[in-house]
């Protein structure tokens, strides 16, 4: 005959597990987790959300871009910190300022024509030297 430890255990007793409870006056203020996120309605919903002593939870406001971090100490006293989200806009990559080959050639031609215009000609050299 094998020893069955469950025979000596009282029936109907389960190990205690913590389930968040919502007081009757706050019914509807706390939503169930959606996609792993716990959604609450405003700071009142965060205050109403029950967590065990020595724990911390992130609560997301369903009406605003706000996150509440609720924590409790060993005595179960809660503290709530509020954080505001701001969207991060994707920055456009800066476009470098390059000249095209055609623009470069045009600039080189303009510089060349200015150099030609600035060079003294043989006629102007002779006119100066003949005085």
C-alpha atoms as a PDB file:
ATOM      1  CA  UNK A   1       0.000   0.000   0.000  1.00  0.00           C
ATOM      2  CA  UNK A   2       1.456   3.357  -1.069  1.00  0.00           C
ATOM      3  CA  UNK A   3       1.405   6.376   1.188  1.00  0.00           C
ATOM      4  CA  UNK A   4      -0.904   9.127  -0.113  1.00  0.00           C
ATOM      5  CA  UNK A   5      -0.193  12.461   1.629  1.00  0.00           C
ATOM      6  CA  UNK A   6      -3.442  13.944   0.296  1.00  0.00           C
ATOM      7  CA  UNK A   7      -5.501  11.590   2.472  1.00  0.00           C
ATOM      8  CA  UNK A   8      -4.339  13.419   5.574  1.00  0.00           C
ATOM      9  CA  UNK A   9      -4.852  16.932   4.159  1.00  0.00           C
ATOM     10  CA  UNK A  10      -8.195  18.613   4.807  1.00  0.00           C
ATOM     11  CA  UNK A  11     -10.227  18.742   1.619  1.00  0.00           C
ATOM     12  CA  UNK A  12     -11.246  22.057   0.043  1.00  0.00           C
ATOM     13  CA  UNK A  13      -8.239  24.059   1.282  1.00  0.00           C
ATOM     14  CA  UNK A  14      -6.234  25.719  -1.432  1.00  0.00           C
ATOM     15  CA  UNK A  15      -2.962  27.562  -1.218  1.00  0.00           C
ATOM     16  CA  UNK A  16      -3.569  31.281  -0.824  1.00  0.00           C
ATOM     17  CA  UNK A  17      -3.092  33.285  -3.999  1.00  0.00           C
ATOM     18  CA  UNK A  18      -3.459  37.021  -4.247  1.00  0.00           C
ATOM     19  CA  UNK A  19      -6.233  38.374  -6.416  1.00  0.00           C
ATOM     20  CA  UNK A  20      -6.483  42.156  -6.835  1.00  0.00           C
ATOM     21  CA  UNK A  21      -9.737  43.325  -5.331  1.00  0.00           C
ATOM     22  CA  UNK A  22     -11.745  46.375  -6.166  1.00  0.00           C
ATOM     23  CA  UNK A  23     -13.847  48.033  -3.494  1.00  0.00           C
ATOM     24  CA  UNK A  24     -17.566  48.266  -4.339  1.00  0.00           C
ATOM     25  CA  UNK A  25     -17.415  52.052  -4.732  1.00  0.00           C
ATOM     26  CA  UNK A  26     -14.710  51.715  -7.419  1.00  0.00           C
ATOM     27  CA  UNK A  27     -16.393  49.059  -9.564  1.00  0.00           C
ATOM     28  CA  UNK A  28     -15.686  49.795 -13.233  1.00  0.00           C
ATOM     29  CA  UNK A  29     -12.713  52.017 -12.365  1.00  0.00           C
ATOM     30  CA  UNK A  30     -10.211  49.206 -12.861  1.00  0.00           C
ATOM     31  CA  UNK A  31     -10.018  47.222 -16.082  1.00  0.00           C
ATOM     32  CA  UNK A  32      -8.506  43.794 -16.532  1.00  0.00           C
ATOM     33  CA  UNK A  33      -5.046  43.509 -18.099  1.00  0.00           C
ATOM     34  CA  UNK A  34      -5.106  43.884 -21.880  1.00  0.00           C
ATOM     35  CA  UNK A  35      -2.073  42.657 -23.817  1.00  0.00           C
ATOM     36  CA  UNK A  36      -0.146  42.388 -20.551  1.00  0.00           C
ATOM     37  CA  UNK A  37      -0.869  46.016 -19.606  1.00  0.00           C
ATOM     38  CA  UNK A  38      -3.038  46.977 -16.672  1.00  0.00           C
ATOM     39  CA  UNK A  39      -5.371  49.775 -17.670  1.00  0.00           C
ATOM     40  CA  UNK A  40      -7.010  52.081 -15.116  1.00  0.00           C
ATOM     41  CA  UNK A  41      -9.262  55.108 -15.387  1.00  0.00           C
ATOM     42  CA  UNK A  42      -7.363  58.093 -14.015  1.00  0.00           C
ATOM     43  CA  UNK A  43      -5.601  58.509 -10.699  1.00  0.00           C
ATOM     44  CA  UNK A  44      -8.708  57.299  -8.869  1.00  0.00           C
ATOM     45  CA  UNK A  45      -8.472  53.976 -10.685  1.00  0.00           C
ATOM     46  CA  UNK A  46      -4.787  53.732  -9.758  1.00  0.00           C
ATOM     47  CA  UNK A  47      -5.619  54.437  -6.109  1.00  0.00           C
ATOM     48  CA  UNK A  48      -8.358  51.789  -6.151  1.00  0.00           C
ATOM     49  CA  UNK A  49      -6.162  49.092  -7.691  1.00  0.00           C
ATOM     50  CA  UNK A  50      -5.110  46.751  -4.878  1.00  0.00           C
ATOM     51  CA  UNK A  51      -1.655  45.172  -4.745  1.00  0.00           C
ATOM     52  CA  UNK A  52      -0.042  43.046  -2.002  1.00  0.00           C
ATOM     53  CA  UNK A  53       2.569  44.429   0.426  1.00  0.00           C
ATOM     54  CA  UNK A  54       6.137  44.803  -0.881  1.00  0.00           C
ATOM     55  CA  UNK A  55       5.128  44.927  -4.537  1.00  0.00           C
ATOM     56  CA  UNK A  56       5.153  47.296  -7.488  1.00  0.00           C
ATOM     57  CA  UNK A  57       2.984  47.533 -10.598  1.00  0.00           C
ATOM     58  CA  UNK A  58       2.743  49.789 -13.659  1.00  0.00           C
ATOM     59  CA  UNK A  59      -0.785  51.037 -14.363  1.00  0.00           C
ATOM     60  CA  UNK A  60      -1.658  52.751 -17.634  1.00  0.00           C
ATOM     61  CA  UNK A  61      -4.363  55.416 -17.814  1.00  0.00           C
ATOM     62  CA  UNK A  62      -6.926  54.473 -20.450  1.00  0.00           C
ATOM     63  CA  UNK A  63      -7.910  58.125 -21.054  1.00  0.00           C
ATOM     64  CA  UNK A  64      -4.542  59.896 -21.113  1.00  0.00           C
ATOM     65  CA  UNK A  65      -0.883  59.311 -21.976  1.00  0.00           C
ATOM     66  CA  UNK A  66      -0.015  58.709 -18.321  1.00  0.00           C
ATOM     67  CA  UNK A  67       1.499  55.794 -16.437  1.00  0.00           C
ATOM     68  CA  UNK A  68       1.191  55.327 -12.695  1.00  0.00           C
ATOM     69  CA  UNK A  69       3.753  53.258 -10.805  1.00  0.00           C
ATOM     70  CA  UNK A  70       2.062  52.027  -7.663  1.00  0.00           C
ATOM     71  CA  UNK A  71       4.168  50.411  -4.965  1.00  0.00           C
ATOM     72  CA  UNK A  72       3.516  49.250  -1.442  1.00  0.00           C
ATOM     73  CA  UNK A  73       5.840  48.907   1.526  1.00  0.00           C
ATOM     74  CA  UNK A  74       5.970  45.956   3.924  1.00  0.00           C
ATOM     75  CA  UNK A  75       2.948  47.304   5.792  1.00  0.00           C
ATOM     76  CA  UNK A  76       0.910  47.637   2.597  1.00  0.00           C
ATOM     77  CA  UNK A  77       1.044  51.479   2.544  1.00  0.00           C
ATOM     78  CA  UNK A  78       0.743  52.550  -1.139  1.00  0.00           C
ATOM     79  CA  UNK A  79       2.750  55.174  -2.995  1.00  0.00           C
ATOM     80  CA  UNK A  80       1.876  56.316  -6.519  1.00  0.00           C
ATOM     81  CA  UNK A  81       4.251  58.071  -8.914  1.00  0.00           C
ATOM     82  CA  UNK A  82       2.882  59.569 -12.142  1.00  0.00           C
ATOM     83  CA  UNK A  83       4.733  59.690 -15.462  1.00  0.00           C
ATOM     84  CA  UNK A  84       3.561  61.433 -18.655  1.00  0.00           C
ATOM     85  CA  UNK A  85       4.232  60.001 -22.098  1.00  0.00           C
ATOM     86  CA  UNK A  86       5.117  62.197 -25.042  1.00  0.00           C
ATOM     87  CA  UNK A  87       5.245  60.867 -28.599  1.00  0.00           C
ATOM     88  CA  UNK A  88       8.661  60.631 -30.193  1.00  0.00           C
ATOM     89  CA  UNK A  89       8.593  61.879 -33.745  1.00  0.00           C
ATOM     90  CA  UNK A  90      10.881  60.154 -36.210  1.00  0.00           C
ATOM     91  CA  UNK A  91      13.611  62.555 -37.190  1.00  0.00           C
ATOM     92  CA  UNK A  92      14.190  63.060 -40.890  1.00  0.00           C
ATOM     93  CA  UNK A  93      17.712  62.140 -41.902  1.00  0.00           C
ATOM     94  CA  UNK A  94      19.667  65.280 -42.721  1.00  0.00           C
ATOM     95  CA  UNK A  95      20.296  65.623 -46.426  1.00  0.00           C
ATOM     96  CA  UNK A  96      23.929  66.384 -47.121  1.00  0.00           C
ATOM     97  CA  UNK A  97      24.672  69.432 -49.250  1.00  0.00           C
ATOM     98  CA  UNK A  98      26.414  68.082 -52.334  1.00  0.00           C
ATOM     99  CA  UNK A  99      26.738  69.681 -55.731  1.00  0.00           C
ATOM    100  CA  UNK A 100      26.032  67.667 -58.825  1.00  0.00           C
ATOM    101  CA  UNK A 101      28.663  67.181 -61.491  1.00  0.00           C
ATOM    102  CA  UNK A 102      26.771  69.565 -63.799  1.00  0.00           C
ATOM    103  CA  UNK A 103      26.634  72.252 -61.086  1.00  0.00           C
ATOM    104  CA  UNK A 104      30.369  71.793 -60.498  1.00  0.00           C
ATOM    105  CA  UNK A 105      31.171  72.149 -64.199  1.00  0.00           C
ATOM    106  CA  UNK A 106      29.005  75.269 -64.440  1.00  0.00           C
ATOM    107  CA  UNK A 107      30.827  76.809 -61.464  1.00  0.00           C
ATOM    108  CA  UNK A 108      34.226  75.849 -62.924  1.00  0.00           C
ATOM    109  CA  UNK A 109      33.264  77.485 -66.239  1.00  0.00           C
ATOM    110  CA  UNK A 110      32.174  80.688 -64.452  1.00  0.00           C
ATOM    111  CA  UNK A 111      35.436  80.816 -62.491  1.00  0.00           C
ATOM    112  CA  UNK A 112      37.394  80.202 -65.700  1.00  0.00           C
ATOM    113  CA  UNK A 113      35.606  83.037 -67.495  1.00  0.00           C
ATOM    114  CA  UNK A 114      36.229  85.395 -64.542  1.00  0.00           C
ATOM    115  CA  UNK A 115      39.930  84.470 -64.569  1.00  0.00           C
ATOM    116  CA  UNK A 116      40.077  85.132 -68.297  1.00  0.00           C
ATOM    117  CA  UNK A 117      38.448  88.521 -67.852  1.00  0.00           C
ATOM    118  CA  UNK A 118      40.892  89.448 -65.092  1.00  0.00           C
ATOM    119  CA  UNK A 119      44.058  88.482 -67.020  1.00  0.00           C
ATOM    120  CA  UNK A 120      45.817  91.392 -68.638  1.00  0.00           C
ATOM    121  CA  UNK A 121      45.963  91.118 -72.403  1.00  0.00           C
ATOM    122  CA  UNK A 122      49.042  91.781 -74.512  1.00  0.00           C
ATOM    123  CA  UNK A 123      47.456  94.972 -75.860  1.00  0.00           C
ATOM    124  CA  UNK A 124      46.896  96.337 -72.377  1.00  0.00           C
ATOM    125  CA  UNK A 125      50.497  95.401 -71.395  1.00  0.00           C
ATOM    126  CA  UNK A 126      51.879  97.215 -74.415  1.00  0.00           C
ATOM    127  CA  UNK A 127      49.762 100.278 -73.749  1.00  0.00           C
ATOM    128  CA  UNK A 128      51.151 100.536 -70.231  1.00  0.00           C
ATOM    129  CA  UNK A 129      54.729  99.844 -71.285  1.00  0.00           C
ATOM    130  CA  UNK A 130      54.619 102.361 -74.189  1.00  0.00           C
ATOM    131  CA  UNK A 131      54.150 105.412 -72.034  1.00  0.00           C
END
